[in-house]
C-alpha atoms as a PDB file:
ATOM      1  CA  MET A   1      -0.292   0.082   0.168  1.00  0.00           C
ATOM      2  CA  ILE A   2       1.556   3.175  -1.057  1.00  0.00           C
ATOM      3  CA  TRP A   3      -1.409   5.795  -0.359  1.00  0.00           C
ATOM      4  CA  THR A   4      -4.760   5.497   1.383  1.00  0.00           C
ATOM      5  CA  PRO A   5      -7.813   7.375   0.917  1.00  0.00           C
ATOM      6  CA  LEU A   6      -9.041   6.455   4.522  1.00  0.00           C
ATOM      7  CA  THR A   7      -9.092   8.710   7.844  1.00  0.00           C
ATOM      8  CA  ALA A   8      -6.796   7.016  10.938  1.00  0.00           C
ATOM      9  CA  THR A   9     -10.551   6.197  12.622  1.00  0.00           C
ATOM     10  CA  ASP A  10     -11.583   4.513   9.279  1.00  0.00           C
ATOM     11  CA  LEU A  11      -8.383   2.234   9.529  1.00  0.00           C
ATOM     12  CA  ALA A  12      -8.393   1.750  13.200  1.00  0.00           C
ATOM     13  CA  ALA A  13     -12.104   0.466  13.068  1.00  0.00           C
ATOM     14  CA  GLN A  14     -11.288  -1.867   9.823  1.00  0.00           C
ATOM     15  CA  LEU A  15      -7.895  -3.384  12.284  1.00  0.00           C
ATOM     16  CA  THR A  16     -10.361  -3.605  14.546  1.00  0.00           C
ATOM     17  CA  ALA A  17     -13.278  -5.605  12.562  1.00  0.00           C
ATOM     18  CA  ARG A  18     -10.242  -7.706  11.507  1.00  0.00           C
ATOM     19  CA  GLY A  19      -9.191  -8.770  14.795  1.00  0.00           C
ATOM     20  CA  HIS A  20      -6.426  -6.184  15.504  1.00  0.00           C
ATOM     21  CA  PRO A  21      -7.558  -4.208  17.873  1.00  0.00           C
ATOM     22  CA  VAL A  22      -5.515  -0.877  17.654  1.00  0.00           C
ATOM     23  CA  SER A  23      -6.472   2.663  18.713  1.00  0.00           C
ATOM     24  CA  THR A  24      -6.131   5.701  16.243  1.00  0.00           C
ATOM     25  CA  HIS A  25      -3.214   6.959  17.829  1.00  0.00           C
ATOM     26  CA  ILE A  26      -1.392   3.772  16.813  1.00  0.00           C
ATOM     27  CA  VAL A  27      -2.494   4.168  13.393  1.00  0.00           C
ATOM     28  CA  ASP A  28      -1.802   8.139  13.140  1.00  0.00           C
ATOM     29  CA  HIS A  29       2.025   6.573  13.068  1.00  0.00           C
ATOM     30  CA  LEU A  30       1.545   3.611  11.035  1.00  0.00           C
ATOM     31  CA  PRO A  31       2.271   5.582   7.542  1.00  0.00           C
ATOM     32  CA  ALA A  32       5.400   7.195   8.447  1.00  0.00           C
ATOM     33  CA  ALA A  33       6.794   3.588  10.050  1.00  0.00           C
ATOM     34  CA  HIS A  34       5.665   1.998   7.005  1.00  0.00           C
ATOM     35  CA  ALA A  35       6.360   4.726   3.848  1.00  0.00           C
ATOM     36  CA  CYS A  36       2.855   5.175   3.334  1.00  0.00           C
ATOM     37  CA  ARG A  37       1.076   8.408   3.094  1.00  0.00           C
ATOM     38  CA  ARG A  38      -2.748   9.754   2.780  1.00  0.00           C
ATOM     39  CA  ARG A  39      -3.561  10.409  -0.492  1.00  0.00           C
ATOM     40  CA  LYS A  40      -4.010  13.888  -1.745  1.00  0.00           C
ATOM     41  CA  ALA A  41      -5.665  15.702  -4.586  1.00  0.00           C
ATOM     42  CA  GLN A  42      -3.305  16.608  -7.062  1.00  0.00           C
ATOM     43  CA  LYS A  43      -3.726  18.892 -10.187  1.00  0.00           C
ATOM     44  CA  SER A  44      -1.584  17.613 -13.326  1.00  0.00           C
ATOM     45  CA  LEU A  45      -2.095  20.991 -15.022  1.00  0.00           C
ATOM     46  CA  PRO A  46      -3.506  24.523 -13.748  1.00  0.00           C
ATOM     47  CA  ARG A  47      -6.656  25.216 -15.840  1.00  0.00           C
ATOM     48  CA  ARG A  48      -4.982  28.340 -17.852  1.00  0.00           C
ATOM     49  CA  GLU A  49      -2.138  25.542 -19.037  1.00  0.00           C
ATOM     50  CA  GLN A  50      -4.648  23.074 -20.143  1.00  0.00           C
ATOM     51  CA  GLU A  51      -5.089  22.854 -23.603  1.00  0.00           C
ATOM     52  CA  ASP A  52      -8.927  22.360 -24.976  1.00  0.00           C
ATOM     53  CA  ARG A  53     -10.007  23.052 -21.538  1.00  0.00           C
ATOM     54  CA  ASP A  54     -13.449  23.949 -22.765  1.00  0.00           C
ATOM     55  CA  GLU A  55     -13.922  20.874 -25.153  1.00  0.00           C
ATOM     56  CA  GLN A  56     -16.303  19.199 -23.061  1.00  0.00           C
ATOM     57  CA  PHE A  57     -18.559  21.602 -22.430  1.00  0.00           C
ATOM     58  CA  VAL A  58     -18.456  22.846 -26.559  1.00  0.00           C
ATOM     59  CA  THR A  59     -19.233  18.842 -26.768  1.00  0.00           C
ATOM     60  CA  THR A  60     -21.993  18.865 -24.190  1.00  0.00           C
ATOM     61  CA  ALA A  61     -23.632  22.363 -25.399  1.00  0.00           C
ATOM     62  CA  ARG A  62     -23.938  20.278 -28.975  1.00  0.00           C
ATOM     63  CA  TRP A  63     -25.571  17.485 -27.957  1.00  0.00           C
ATOM     64  CA  THR A  64     -28.052  19.596 -25.829  1.00  0.00           C
ATOM     65  CA  ARG A  65     -28.942  21.652 -29.116  1.00  0.00           C
ATOM     66  CA  GLU A  66     -29.265  18.464 -31.082  1.00  0.00           C
ATOM     67  CA  TYR A  67     -31.314  16.774 -28.865  1.00  0.00           C
ATOM     68  CA  LEU A  68     -33.713  19.443 -28.149  1.00  0.00           C
ATOM     69  CA  ASP A  69     -33.730  20.835 -32.272  1.00  0.00           C
ATOM     70  CA  ARG A  70     -34.987  16.751 -32.670  1.00  0.00           C
ATOM     71  CA  GLY A  71     -37.867  17.700 -30.743  1.00  0.00           C
ATOM     72  CA  THR A  72     -39.376  15.108 -28.013  1.00  0.00           C
ATOM     73  CA  ARG A  73     -40.711  11.888 -29.336  1.00  0.00           C
ATOM     74  CA  SER A  74     -44.312  10.214 -28.297  1.00  0.00           C
END
């Protein structure tokens, strides 16, 4: 395990449920001892540098226009 989205409380609860009773305090120290870390959201490129960042919105608008132009089917 390299990272986890779980909190120390969640990890402690899961370990306890699996027969390894442990406190949240101990779980807080486990990642550092085993080269693990909490997962953090990361952005690879800032929006202003992202090419075609509006493409999804243009495509969705086109699909919406096409759908509405067809009218409703009975």
